[in-house]
Structures are given as C-alpha cells and as structure tokens.
Amino acid sequence: MSEKEETLPTGSKGIERTESNNSNSQKEGDAFDPRANLSDEQKEKLDKFKKELEPFLEQDWEKEWTSEMCCLRYLRARNFDLKKSQAMIRDTIVWRRENRPDCITADDVDIELDNKGKMYRGGRDKSGRPIVYLKPGWDNTGDKEKDVKIKYFIYVMEKASLAAEQIPGGEKLVWVIDPKDHKAGGGLSTGNGIKVAREVINIVQNHYPERLGAAFIYNAPWLFQTFFKIITPFVDENTITKVKMVKDLNKSNPIMDISDPSEVEVDYGGSRNESWDYKKDRNKEDLAFPPKSRGETKETK
C-alpha cells in the first residue's frame, strides 16, 4: 500500500460533534474539546464517571487508555446511564487486561496477514476516518485458525482506532466489506463462521463502542445475505442503520459521497490502484503504532 494513506487530511480541525446543540458548541478553528457539545448535565456525569472509575484502575496503561474521549464513548453507548456505562467500561478493562490488544504484534497474527488482503487499513474519508477493507473471499486459513482470526480482527481494530485518533476528535472507522469469493482455498465452515462472527460482533459492540462510522457491503451473494440475516439479531439497531448494501455502484455508491476518489480502491468506485501487499505491508501497522510490551504494567500511583 502507498505511504500516502498515512498522510492526514490537511487543515483538519477535528470531528464535528452532534450530541447536543447547546451554546458551548465547538466553533470552527478552535482546538478540539471533547466537552464542547456536552450539556451541563452530561459534563457532570462525565466527571462523576471518571471519579467512580479511578479506584478501579490498576495499571498505568489503564489510566492512559481511559481518556475523556474513551469515557465519552462508553457513556454515549449507554445513553449516559452511569451505572450501565460504568459496568461496560469495567468489563472492557478486564477484557483488555486478559487480552492486551495493545500488545498484539504482526508476528502474533502472521498467518492471517499472509494472503492477498482479507483485512487491512487503507486510505481515509473526507473527515479523516480510516477506511478498513474486509475481504473474506481472500481467506486462506480454516477452522483450526479461528482463534488467531479473532486475534487478527482485534489487531486491526486496535490499529485502526489509533489511526482514527490521529485526527483531533477522531474515533470512528469506515468499513468496506466485500465477500466476493476469490477461491483462495480457505475459510471457516458455516458453523464456525457464525460462531466467529458472533464473537467479533460481541467484541466490537462491547469493547470498541462508538467506533463504527459507516459500513458499505459490495458484491454480496445470496449466501452472504442469508448469513447477514442470521447474525443481524446479534447486532444492535444503531449499528445496523450504519450498514449499507451497495448493489450497483454505478447507480449509487455512498462511500464516494464521503471520500475523495484517491482514497478509495478502484473496485469500489475510487482511483486508488494499490491494495494489500504482504511483503511490503506486513509490518506497516506495527511501525505506525508500535505494540506495547506486556512488561509495561506499572501500578498507578
């Protein structure tokens, strides 16, 4: 993939917030303030949320990870219900303690990287949101690798989330999903496919809330559409509204409404000719966002 994808949009002033329309709204040209569009009540809840969470934090990395932007994602995901939001973020902290997604390396998921590009980050939309491509048709591993498949998804989510945060106020991702069958000679059986999909949905909804900006599905065969209907009950309603099936990109291609052609691959209506190259791109994410060491576990003061 080209180095240009790592170039952030020039002149970005941050991502617009629309949670409320109070008089303290973010003004153009201001440094990004995550509290700018919060009501007074929401600000009070944020302060209370952070104070209640503080005694739960054991390690320095936990304190660093629970920024105001992070706390607000969990509050928004539970409609600023303090009890539910607190339970949700604590569950995630326990999950991160057990899985340390920030420590996963390319070496850990190499078997999932070595293909023609079944999942990778490439380009940004006009807001600076990273575009993540998911092409299960290039899957070349099977049922025995299902655990590393999930780890690889977490790896991509973690890196893409960090890329989103390079833009002031940025936190959301754009997904391009193309299930076209490329006969790569791998993939999960139907039963394990559904199990993995359910686990991935659980991870996204519970541990990466408020990260989905939009998702566009191309080349969906009837079997994929049936599969999508099976997993839909496990996806929250707010997420479903952000997913668009693109049946004929020559008639309607919504990703091009939010992206410059140079940022979208040719197959999806853009002019970007480069896609995944294992030899060139294998270590790209670790170079951009170096994994942490599991030894980085100093207790907070």
C-alpha atoms as a PDB file:
ATOM      1  CA  MET A   1       0.000   0.000   0.000  1.00  0.00           C
ATOM      2  CA  SER A   2       1.100   3.556  -0.643  1.00  0.00           C
ATOM      3  CA  GLU A   3       2.665   5.729   2.011  1.00  0.00           C
ATOM      4  CA  LYS A   4       0.143   8.440   1.148  1.00  0.00           C
ATOM      5  CA  GLU A   5      -2.525   6.740   3.203  1.00  0.00           C
ATOM      6  CA  GLU A   6      -0.606   7.746   6.325  1.00  0.00           C
ATOM      7  CA  THR A   7      -0.827  11.407   5.334  1.00  0.00           C
ATOM      8  CA  LEU A   8      -3.528  13.028   7.423  1.00  0.00           C
ATOM      9  CA  PRO A   9      -6.007  15.443   5.829  1.00  0.00           C
ATOM     10  CA  THR A  10      -4.544  18.943   5.911  1.00  0.00           C
ATOM     11  CA  GLY A  11      -6.287  21.665   7.832  1.00  0.00           C
ATOM     12  CA  SER A  12      -8.356  19.229   9.890  1.00  0.00           C
ATOM     13  CA  LYS A  13      -9.916  20.951  12.884  1.00  0.00           C
ATOM     14  CA  GLY A  14     -11.420  17.840  14.377  1.00  0.00           C
ATOM     15  CA  ILE A  15     -14.598  15.874  14.021  1.00  0.00           C
ATOM     16  CA  GLU A  16     -17.909  17.632  14.422  1.00  0.00           C
ATOM     17  CA  ARG A  17     -19.992  16.596  17.436  1.00  0.00           C
ATOM     18  CA  THR A  18     -23.769  16.488  17.391  1.00  0.00           C
ATOM     19  CA  GLU A  19     -24.737  15.083  20.785  1.00  0.00           C
ATOM     20  CA  SER A  20     -26.378  18.366  21.721  1.00  0.00           C
ATOM     21  CA  ASN A  21     -26.906  21.856  20.378  1.00  0.00           C
ATOM     22  CA  ASN A  22     -26.052  23.893  23.462  1.00  0.00           C
ATOM     23  CA  SER A  23     -24.362  27.277  23.362  1.00  0.00           C
ATOM     24  CA  ASN A  24     -20.971  25.757  24.161  1.00  0.00           C
ATOM     25  CA  SER A  25     -20.736  24.049  20.763  1.00  0.00           C
ATOM     26  CA  GLN A  26     -17.343  23.590  19.126  1.00  0.00           C
ATOM     27  CA  LYS A  27     -16.505  26.565  16.913  1.00  0.00           C
ATOM     28  CA  GLU A  28     -14.524  26.297  13.696  1.00  0.00           C
ATOM     29  CA  GLY A  29     -10.836  26.928  14.273  1.00  0.00           C
ATOM     30  CA  ASP A  30     -10.936  26.033  17.979  1.00  0.00           C
ATOM     31  CA  ALA A  31      -8.662  23.328  19.346  1.00  0.00           C
ATOM     32  CA  PHE A  32     -10.748  20.210  19.778  1.00  0.00           C
ATOM     33  CA  ASP A  33     -12.538  19.993  23.126  1.00  0.00           C
ATOM     34  CA  PRO A  34     -14.403  16.703  23.792  1.00  0.00           C
ATOM     35  CA  ARG A  35     -16.699  18.565  26.188  1.00  0.00           C
ATOM     36  CA  ALA A  36     -17.656  21.350  23.779  1.00  0.00           C
ATOM     37  CA  ASN A  37     -21.003  19.919  22.705  1.00  0.00           C
ATOM     38  CA  LEU A  38     -21.959  18.359  26.014  1.00  0.00           C
ATOM     39  CA  SER A  39     -24.822  19.700  28.099  1.00  0.00           C
ATOM     40  CA  ASP A  40     -24.094  20.740  31.688  1.00  0.00           C
ATOM     41  CA  GLU A  41     -25.754  17.541  32.864  1.00  0.00           C
ATOM     42  CA  GLN A  42     -23.570  15.431  30.589  1.00  0.00           C
ATOM     43  CA  LYS A  43     -20.434  17.204  31.819  1.00  0.00           C
ATOM     44  CA  GLU A  44     -21.423  16.449  35.408  1.00  0.00           C
ATOM     45  CA  LYS A  45     -21.992  12.801  34.518  1.00  0.00           C
ATOM     46  CA  LEU A  46     -18.625  12.615  32.782  1.00  0.00           C
ATOM     47  CA  ASP A  47     -16.865  13.984  35.878  1.00  0.00           C
ATOM     48  CA  LYS A  48     -18.724  11.564  38.130  1.00  0.00           C
ATOM     49  CA  PHE A  49     -17.996   8.681  35.753  1.00  0.00           C
ATOM     50  CA  LYS A  50     -14.251   9.380  35.815  1.00  0.00           C
ATOM     51  CA  LYS A  51     -14.201   9.738  39.599  1.00  0.00           C
ATOM     52  CA  GLU A  52     -16.028   6.424  40.097  1.00  0.00           C
ATOM     53  CA  LEU A  53     -13.729   4.672  37.639  1.00  0.00           C
ATOM     54  CA  GLU A  54     -10.430   5.891  39.105  1.00  0.00           C
ATOM     55  CA  PRO A  55     -10.188   3.383  42.026  1.00  0.00           C
ATOM     56  CA  PHE A  56     -10.728   0.515  39.567  1.00  0.00           C
ATOM     57  CA  LEU A  57      -7.645   1.379  37.505  1.00  0.00           C
ATOM     58  CA  GLU A  58      -4.637  -0.742  38.479  1.00  0.00           C
ATOM     59  CA  GLN A  59      -2.006  -0.117  35.826  1.00  0.00           C
ATOM     60  CA  ASP A  60      -0.522   2.959  34.176  1.00  0.00           C
ATOM     61  CA  TRP A  61      -1.726   1.819  30.742  1.00  0.00           C
ATOM     62  CA  GLU A  62      -5.300   1.648  32.042  1.00  0.00           C
ATOM     63  CA  LYS A  63      -5.161   5.241  33.188  1.00  0.00           C
ATOM     64  CA  GLU A  64      -3.726   6.312  29.833  1.00  0.00           C
ATOM     65  CA  TRP A  65      -6.357   4.364  27.888  1.00  0.00           C
ATOM     66  CA  THR A  66      -9.322   5.813  29.811  1.00  0.00           C
ATOM     67  CA  SER A  67      -9.087   9.299  28.303  1.00  0.00           C
ATOM     68  CA  GLU A  68     -12.078  11.639  28.244  1.00  0.00           C
ATOM     69  CA  MET A  69     -12.786  10.606  24.645  1.00  0.00           C
ATOM     70  CA  CYS A  70     -12.758   6.961  25.698  1.00  0.00           C
ATOM     71  CA  CYS A  71     -15.041   7.566  28.684  1.00  0.00           C
ATOM     72  CA  LEU A  72     -17.472   9.504  26.481  1.00  0.00           C
ATOM     73  CA  ARG A  73     -17.705   6.615  24.034  1.00  0.00           C
ATOM     74  CA  TYR A  74     -18.896   4.331  26.810  1.00  0.00           C
ATOM     75  CA  LEU A  75     -21.287   6.965  28.150  1.00  0.00           C
ATOM     76  CA  ARG A  76     -22.779   7.542  24.691  1.00  0.00           C
ATOM     77  CA  ALA A  77     -23.072   3.797  24.090  1.00  0.00           C
ATOM     78  CA  ARG A  78     -25.315   3.557  27.156  1.00  0.00           C
ATOM     79  CA  ASN A  79     -27.128   6.882  26.722  1.00  0.00           C
ATOM     80  CA  PHE A  80     -25.236   8.455  29.650  1.00  0.00           C
ATOM     81  CA  ASP A  81     -26.622   5.906  32.103  1.00  0.00           C
ATOM     82  CA  LEU A  82     -23.829   5.984  34.685  1.00  0.00           C
ATOM     83  CA  LYS A  83     -24.429   2.523  36.114  1.00  0.00           C
ATOM     84  CA  LYS A  84     -24.595   0.806  32.718  1.00  0.00           C
ATOM     85  CA  SER A  85     -21.675   2.793  31.279  1.00  0.00           C
ATOM     86  CA  GLN A  86     -19.512   2.061  34.310  1.00  0.00           C
ATOM     87  CA  ALA A  87     -20.250  -1.659  34.086  1.00  0.00           C
ATOM     88  CA  MET A  88     -19.465  -1.636  30.375  1.00  0.00           C
ATOM     89  CA  ILE A  89     -16.076   0.083  30.616  1.00  0.00           C
ATOM     90  CA  ARG A  90     -15.027  -2.065  33.582  1.00  0.00           C
ATOM     91  CA  ASP A  91     -15.845  -5.186  31.592  1.00  0.00           C
ATOM     92  CA  THR A  92     -13.657  -3.844  28.785  1.00  0.00           C
ATOM     93  CA  ILE A  93     -10.771  -3.065  31.135  1.00  0.00           C
ATOM     94  CA  VAL A  94     -10.907  -6.646  32.465  1.00  0.00           C
ATOM     95  CA  TRP A  95     -11.015  -7.906  28.865  1.00  0.00           C
ATOM     96  CA  ARG A  96      -8.035  -5.722  27.931  1.00  0.00           C
ATOM     97  CA  ARG A  97      -6.114  -6.965  30.982  1.00  0.00           C
ATOM     98  CA  GLU A  98      -6.671 -10.535  29.820  1.00  0.00           C
ATOM     99  CA  ASN A  99      -6.087  -9.993  26.088  1.00  0.00           C
ATOM    100  CA  ARG A 100      -3.831  -6.903  25.938  1.00  0.00           C
ATOM    101  CA  PRO A 101      -4.870  -5.936  22.393  1.00  0.00           C
ATOM    102  CA  ASP A 102      -2.320  -3.120  22.509  1.00  0.00           C
ATOM    103  CA  CYS A 103       0.436  -5.761  22.741  1.00  0.00           C
ATOM    104  CA  ILE A 104      -0.554  -7.891  19.733  1.00  0.00           C
ATOM    105  CA  THR A 105       2.158  -7.865  17.064  1.00  0.00           C
ATOM    106  CA  ALA A 106       2.289  -8.753  13.388  1.00  0.00           C
ATOM    107  CA  ASP A 107       4.251 -11.868  14.396  1.00  0.00           C
ATOM    108  CA  ASP A 108       1.295 -12.999  16.532  1.00  0.00           C
ATOM    109  CA  VAL A 109      -1.080 -12.894  13.550  1.00  0.00           C
ATOM    110  CA  ASP A 110       1.317 -13.553  10.676  1.00  0.00           C
ATOM    111  CA  ILE A 111      -0.711 -16.482   9.334  1.00  0.00           C
ATOM    112  CA  GLU A 112      -3.664 -14.111   8.895  1.00  0.00           C
ATOM    113  CA  LEU A 113      -1.532 -11.431   7.237  1.00  0.00           C
ATOM    114  CA  ASP A 114      -0.033 -13.759   4.635  1.00  0.00           C
ATOM    115  CA  ASN A 115      -2.664 -13.560   1.882  1.00  0.00           C
ATOM    116  CA  LYS A 116      -3.874 -11.216  -0.846  1.00  0.00           C
ATOM    117  CA  GLY A 117      -5.603  -8.903   1.601  1.00  0.00           C
ATOM    118  CA  LYS A 118      -8.567 -10.154   3.585  1.00  0.00           C
ATOM    119  CA  MET A 119      -8.487  -7.322   6.138  1.00  0.00           C
ATOM    120  CA  TYR A 120      -6.375  -4.177   6.203  1.00  0.00           C
ATOM    121  CA  ARG A 121      -6.468  -0.400   6.591  1.00  0.00           C
ATOM    122  CA  GLY A 122      -6.119   1.796   3.518  1.00  0.00           C
ATOM    123  CA  GLY A 123      -6.999   5.455   2.951  1.00  0.00           C
ATOM    124  CA  ARG A 124      -9.299   7.872   4.777  1.00  0.00           C
ATOM    125  CA  ASP A 125     -12.613   9.558   4.062  1.00  0.00           C
ATOM    126  CA  LYS A 126     -13.001  13.338   3.855  1.00  0.00           C
ATOM    127  CA  SER A 127     -13.345  13.562   7.648  1.00  0.00           C
ATOM    128  CA  GLY A 128     -10.101  11.695   8.144  1.00  0.00           C
ATOM    129  CA  ARG A 129     -11.789   8.472   9.270  1.00  0.00           C
ATOM    130  CA  PRO A 130      -9.654   5.428   8.377  1.00  0.00           C
ATOM    131  CA  ILE A 131     -11.097   3.076   5.763  1.00  0.00           C
ATOM    132  CA  VAL A 132     -10.780  -0.610   6.658  1.00  0.00           C
ATOM    133  CA  TYR A 133     -11.211  -3.251   3.955  1.00  0.00           C
ATOM    134  CA  LEU A 134     -12.640  -6.656   4.852  1.00  0.00           C
ATOM    135  CA  LYS A 135     -12.474  -9.199   2.022  1.00  0.00           C
ATOM    136  CA  PRO A 136     -13.318 -12.646   3.430  1.00  0.00           C
ATOM    137  CA  GLY A 137     -13.127 -14.107  -0.088  1.00  0.00           C
ATOM    138  CA  TRP A 138      -9.325 -13.986   0.270  1.00  0.00           C
ATOM    139  CA  ASP A 139      -9.415 -16.053   3.473  1.00  0.00           C
ATOM    140  CA  ASN A 140      -6.807 -18.798   3.157  1.00  0.00           C
ATOM    141  CA  THR A 141      -6.961 -20.320   6.658  1.00  0.00           C
ATOM    142  CA  GLY A 142      -9.612 -22.568   8.152  1.00  0.00           C
ATOM    143  CA  ASP A 143     -11.321 -23.754  11.327  1.00  0.00           C
ATOM    144  CA  LYS A 144      -8.144 -24.608  13.227  1.00  0.00           C
ATOM    145  CA  GLU A 145      -7.053 -20.956  12.962  1.00  0.00           C
ATOM    146  CA  LYS A 146     -10.333 -19.477  14.244  1.00  0.00           C
ATOM    147  CA  ASP A 147      -8.703 -18.193  17.460  1.00  0.00           C
ATOM    148  CA  VAL A 148      -5.983 -16.323  15.573  1.00  0.00           C
ATOM    149  CA  LYS A 149      -8.646 -14.986  13.194  1.00  0.00           C
ATOM    150  CA  ILE A 150     -10.323 -13.291  16.156  1.00  0.00           C
ATOM    151  CA  LYS A 151      -6.952 -12.036  17.411  1.00  0.00           C
ATOM    152  CA  TYR A 152      -6.246 -10.627  13.961  1.00  0.00           C
ATOM    153  CA  PHE A 153      -9.574  -8.791  13.923  1.00  0.00           C
ATOM    154  CA  ILE A 154      -8.698  -7.273  17.311  1.00  0.00           C
ATOM    155  CA  TYR A 155      -5.255  -6.316  15.974  1.00  0.00           C
ATOM    156  CA  VAL A 156      -6.795  -4.471  13.018  1.00  0.00           C
ATOM    157  CA  MET A 157      -9.436  -2.797  15.219  1.00  0.00           C
ATOM    158  CA  GLU A 158      -6.781  -1.619  17.644  1.00  0.00           C
ATOM    159  CA  LYS A 159      -4.508  -0.164  14.954  1.00  0.00           C
ATOM    160  CA  ALA A 160      -7.363   1.427  13.002  1.00  0.00           C
ATOM    161  CA  SER A 161      -8.710   3.008  16.200  1.00  0.00           C
ATOM    162  CA  LEU A 162      -5.300   4.537  16.892  1.00  0.00           C
ATOM    163  CA  ALA A 163      -5.205   5.826  13.319  1.00  0.00           C
ATOM    164  CA  ALA A 164      -8.645   7.412  13.815  1.00  0.00           C
ATOM    165  CA  GLU A 165      -7.378   9.231  16.899  1.00  0.00           C
ATOM    166  CA  GLN A 166      -4.611  10.911  14.910  1.00  0.00           C
ATOM    167  CA  ILE A 167      -7.293  13.375  13.799  1.00  0.00           C
ATOM    168  CA  PRO A 168      -8.331  15.765  16.612  1.00  0.00           C
ATOM    169  CA  GLY A 169     -11.617  14.356  17.922  1.00  0.00           C
ATOM    170  CA  GLY A 170     -11.412  11.375  15.583  1.00  0.00           C
ATOM    171  CA  GLU A 171     -12.590   7.987  16.770  1.00  0.00           C
ATOM    172  CA  LYS A 172     -14.753   6.340  14.084  1.00  0.00           C
ATOM    173  CA  LEU A 173     -13.948   3.978  11.215  1.00  0.00           C
ATOM    174  CA  VAL A 174     -15.358   3.342   7.750  1.00  0.00           C
ATOM    175  CA  TRP A 175     -15.591  -0.296   6.663  1.00  0.00           C
ATOM    176  CA  VAL A 176     -15.658  -1.614   3.105  1.00  0.00           C
ATOM    177  CA  ILE A 177     -16.840  -5.237   3.164  1.00  0.00           C
ATOM    178  CA  ASP A 178     -16.535  -7.349   0.023  1.00  0.00           C
ATOM    179  CA  PRO A 179     -17.482 -11.039   0.414  1.00  0.00           C
ATOM    180  CA  LYS A 180     -16.737 -11.864  -3.238  1.00  0.00           C
ATOM    181  CA  ASP A 181     -15.380 -15.418  -3.413  1.00  0.00           C
ATOM    182  CA  HIS A 182     -11.824 -15.438  -4.795  1.00  0.00           C
ATOM    183  CA  LYS A 183     -11.406 -19.221  -4.307  1.00  0.00           C
ATOM    184  CA  ALA A 184      -8.444 -18.669  -2.009  1.00  0.00           C
ATOM    185  CA  GLY A 185      -8.725 -22.191  -0.629  1.00  0.00           C
ATOM    186  CA  GLY A 186      -9.581 -21.457   2.985  1.00  0.00           C
ATOM    187  CA  GLY A 187     -12.289 -20.060   5.192  1.00  0.00           C
ATOM    188  CA  LEU A 188     -14.361 -21.235   8.120  1.00  0.00           C
ATOM    189  CA  SER A 189     -17.071 -23.853   7.997  1.00  0.00           C
ATOM    190  CA  THR A 190     -20.594 -22.430   8.253  1.00  0.00           C
ATOM    191  CA  GLY A 191     -20.963 -23.330  11.932  1.00  0.00           C
ATOM    192  CA  ASN A 192     -17.611 -21.885  12.975  1.00  0.00           C
ATOM    193  CA  GLY A 193     -18.178 -18.895  10.688  1.00  0.00           C
ATOM    194  CA  ILE A 194     -21.317 -17.981  12.604  1.00  0.00           C
ATOM    195  CA  LYS A 195     -19.557 -18.536  15.950  1.00  0.00           C
ATOM    196  CA  VAL A 196     -16.636 -16.308  14.956  1.00  0.00           C
ATOM    197  CA  ALA A 197     -18.989 -13.645  13.566  1.00  0.00           C
ATOM    198  CA  ARG A 198     -20.948 -13.599  16.835  1.00  0.00           C
ATOM    199  CA  GLU A 199     -17.753 -13.303  18.887  1.00  0.00           C
ATOM    200  CA  VAL A 200     -16.426 -10.498  16.671  1.00  0.00           C
ATOM    201  CA  ILE A 201     -19.761  -8.646  16.940  1.00  0.00           C
ATOM    202  CA  ASN A 202     -19.617  -9.043  20.723  1.00  0.00           C
ATOM    203  CA  ILE A 203     -16.064  -7.640  20.823  1.00  0.00           C
ATOM    204  CA  VAL A 204     -16.942  -4.643  18.641  1.00  0.00           C
ATOM    205  CA  GLN A 205     -20.154  -3.757  20.460  1.00  0.00           C
ATOM    206  CA  ASN A 206     -18.860  -4.254  23.995  1.00  0.00           C
ATOM    207  CA  HIS A 207     -15.186  -3.328  23.758  1.00  0.00           C
ATOM    208  CA  TYR A 208     -14.988  -0.886  20.821  1.00  0.00           C
ATOM    209  CA  PRO A 209     -18.244   1.067  21.235  1.00  0.00           C
ATOM    210  CA  GLU A 210     -18.978   4.110  19.097  1.00  0.00           C
ATOM    211  CA  ARG A 211     -16.207   3.210  16.655  1.00  0.00           C
ATOM    212  CA  LEU A 212     -18.330   2.470  13.589  1.00  0.00           C
ATOM    213  CA  GLY A 213     -18.862   5.474  11.350  1.00  0.00           C
ATOM    214  CA  ALA A 214     -20.208   3.636   8.307  1.00  0.00           C
ATOM    215  CA  ALA A 215     -20.014   0.243   6.598  1.00  0.00           C
ATOM    216  CA  PHE A 216     -20.533  -0.476   2.902  1.00  0.00           C
ATOM    217  CA  ILE A 217     -21.078  -4.021   1.615  1.00  0.00           C
ATOM    218  CA  TYR A 218     -20.255  -4.782  -2.029  1.00  0.00           C
ATOM    219  CA  ASN A 219     -20.698  -7.896  -4.191  1.00  0.00           C
ATOM    220  CA  ALA A 220     -22.867  -9.669  -1.630  1.00  0.00           C
ATOM    221  CA  PRO A 221     -24.034 -13.060  -2.989  1.00  0.00           C
ATOM    222  CA  TRP A 222     -27.309 -14.554  -1.772  1.00  0.00           C
ATOM    223  CA  LEU A 223     -25.435 -16.831   0.646  1.00  0.00           C
ATOM    224  CA  PHE A 224     -23.776 -13.854   2.334  1.00  0.00           C
ATOM    225  CA  GLN A 225     -27.106 -12.037   2.528  1.00  0.00           C
ATOM    226  CA  THR A 226     -28.572 -15.102   4.247  1.00  0.00           C
ATOM    227  CA  PHE A 227     -25.584 -15.181   6.622  1.00  0.00           C
ATOM    228  CA  PHE A 228     -26.052 -11.466   7.332  1.00  0.00           C
ATOM    229  CA  LYS A 229     -29.707 -12.066   8.228  1.00  0.00           C
ATOM    230  CA  ILE A 230     -28.662 -14.831  10.641  1.00  0.00           C
ATOM    231  CA  ILE A 231     -26.237 -12.599  12.552  1.00  0.00           C
ATOM    232  CA  THR A 232     -28.395  -9.432  12.426  1.00  0.00           C
ATOM    233  CA  PRO A 233     -30.256 -10.295  15.673  1.00  0.00           C
ATOM    234  CA  PHE A 234     -26.922 -10.108  17.495  1.00  0.00           C
ATOM    235  CA  VAL A 235     -26.181  -6.593  16.179  1.00  0.00           C
ATOM    236  CA  ASP A 236     -27.613  -3.535  17.919  1.00  0.00           C
ATOM    237  CA  GLU A 237     -30.085  -1.395  15.980  1.00  0.00           C
ATOM    238  CA  ASN A 238     -27.845   1.678  15.901  1.00  0.00           C
ATOM    239  CA  THR A 239     -25.101  -0.336  14.187  1.00  0.00           C
ATOM    240  CA  ILE A 240     -27.465  -1.812  11.602  1.00  0.00           C
ATOM    241  CA  THR A 241     -28.535   1.681  10.469  1.00  0.00           C
ATOM    242  CA  LYS A 242     -24.900   2.440   9.544  1.00  0.00           C
ATOM    243  CA  VAL A 243     -24.581  -0.587   7.241  1.00  0.00           C
ATOM    244  CA  LYS A 244     -25.407  -0.069   3.554  1.00  0.00           C
ATOM    245  CA  MET A 245     -25.626  -2.742   0.859  1.00  0.00           C
ATOM    246  CA  VAL A 246     -24.262  -1.420  -2.453  1.00  0.00           C
ATOM    247  CA  LYS A 247     -25.893  -3.426  -5.261  1.00  0.00           C
ATOM    248  CA  ASP A 248     -24.767  -1.353  -8.246  1.00  0.00           C
ATOM    249  CA  LEU A 249     -22.029   1.207  -7.574  1.00  0.00           C
ATOM    250  CA  ASN A 250     -22.678   2.793 -10.987  1.00  0.00           C
ATOM    251  CA  LYS A 251     -26.157   3.786  -9.792  1.00  0.00           C
ATOM    252  CA  SER A 252     -25.483   4.539  -6.147  1.00  0.00           C
ATOM    253  CA  ASN A 253     -22.165   4.446  -4.317  1.00  0.00           C
ATOM    254  CA  PRO A 254     -22.449   6.234  -0.954  1.00  0.00           C
ATOM    255  CA  ILE A 255     -18.791   5.837   0.010  1.00  0.00           C
ATOM    256  CA  MET A 256     -17.898   8.269  -2.779  1.00  0.00           C
ATOM    257  CA  ASP A 257     -20.178  10.869  -1.186  1.00  0.00           C
ATOM    258  CA  ILE A 258     -17.847  10.971   1.807  1.00  0.00           C
ATOM    259  CA  SER A 259     -14.459  10.173   0.228  1.00  0.00           C
ATOM    260  CA  ASP A 260     -12.066  11.546  -2.374  1.00  0.00           C
ATOM    261  CA  PRO A 261     -11.503   9.095  -5.268  1.00  0.00           C
ATOM    262  CA  SER A 262      -7.782   8.843  -4.473  1.00  0.00           C
ATOM    263  CA  GLU A 263      -8.632   7.369  -1.053  1.00  0.00           C
ATOM    264  CA  VAL A 264     -10.903   4.549  -2.303  1.00  0.00           C
ATOM    265  CA  GLU A 265      -9.810   1.469  -4.231  1.00  0.00           C
ATOM    266  CA  VAL A 266     -10.772   1.226  -7.903  1.00  0.00           C
ATOM    267  CA  ASP A 267     -13.040  -1.778  -7.318  1.00  0.00           C
ATOM    268  CA  TYR A 268     -15.291   0.387  -5.155  1.00  0.00           C
ATOM    269  CA  GLY A 269     -15.526   3.451  -7.369  1.00  0.00           C
ATOM    270  CA  GLY A 270     -12.324   5.289  -6.474  1.00  0.00           C
ATOM    271  CA  SER A 271      -8.998   5.727  -8.261  1.00  0.00           C
ATOM    272  CA  ARG A 272      -6.707   4.067  -5.707  1.00  0.00           C
ATOM    273  CA  ASN A 273      -4.836   1.294  -7.548  1.00  0.00           C
ATOM    274  CA  GLU A 274      -2.953  -0.150  -4.613  1.00  0.00           C
ATOM    275  CA  SER A 275      -4.209  -2.811  -2.243  1.00  0.00           C
ATOM    276  CA  TRP A 276      -2.609  -5.259   0.204  1.00  0.00           C
ATOM    277  CA  ASP A 277       0.932  -6.463  -0.424  1.00  0.00           C
ATOM    278  CA  TYR A 278       2.104  -8.914   2.251  1.00  0.00           C
ATOM    279  CA  LYS A 279       5.832  -8.445   1.721  1.00  0.00           C
ATOM    280  CA  LYS A 280       5.601  -4.668   1.746  1.00  0.00           C
ATOM    281  CA  ASP A 281       2.784  -4.156   4.255  1.00  0.00           C
ATOM    282  CA  ARG A 282       3.249  -6.915   6.828  1.00  0.00           C
ATOM    283  CA  ASN A 283       4.886  -4.663   9.447  1.00  0.00           C
ATOM    284  CA  LYS A 284       3.233  -1.417   8.390  1.00  0.00           C
ATOM    285  CA  GLU A 285       0.849  -1.188  11.346  1.00  0.00           C
ATOM    286  CA  ASP A 286       3.481  -2.075  13.944  1.00  0.00           C
ATOM    287  CA  LEU A 287       5.765   0.613  12.531  1.00  0.00           C
ATOM    288  CA  ALA A 288       2.978   3.205  12.600  1.00  0.00           C
ATOM    289  CA  PHE A 289       1.715   2.188  16.056  1.00  0.00           C
ATOM    290  CA  PRO A 290       4.352   0.168  17.927  1.00  0.00           C
ATOM    291  CA  PRO A 291       2.856  -2.561  20.128  1.00  0.00           C
ATOM    292  CA  LYS A 292       3.336  -2.195  23.842  1.00  0.00           C
ATOM    293  CA  SER A 293       5.202  -4.720  25.917  1.00  0.00           C
ATOM    294  CA  ARG A 294       3.288  -6.805  28.445  1.00  0.00           C
ATOM    295  CA  GLY A 295       6.023  -5.724  30.845  1.00  0.00           C
ATOM    296  CA  GLU A 296       4.564  -2.191  30.773  1.00  0.00           C
ATOM    297  CA  THR A 297       2.320  -2.850  33.786  1.00  0.00           C
ATOM    298  CA  LYS A 298       3.412  -0.409  36.441  1.00  0.00           C
ATOM    299  CA  GLU A 299       0.795   0.196  39.101  1.00  0.00           C
ATOM    300  CA  THR A 300      -0.810   3.622  39.117  1.00  0.00           C
ATOM    301  CA  LYS A 301       0.157   5.908  41.937  1.00  0.00           C
END
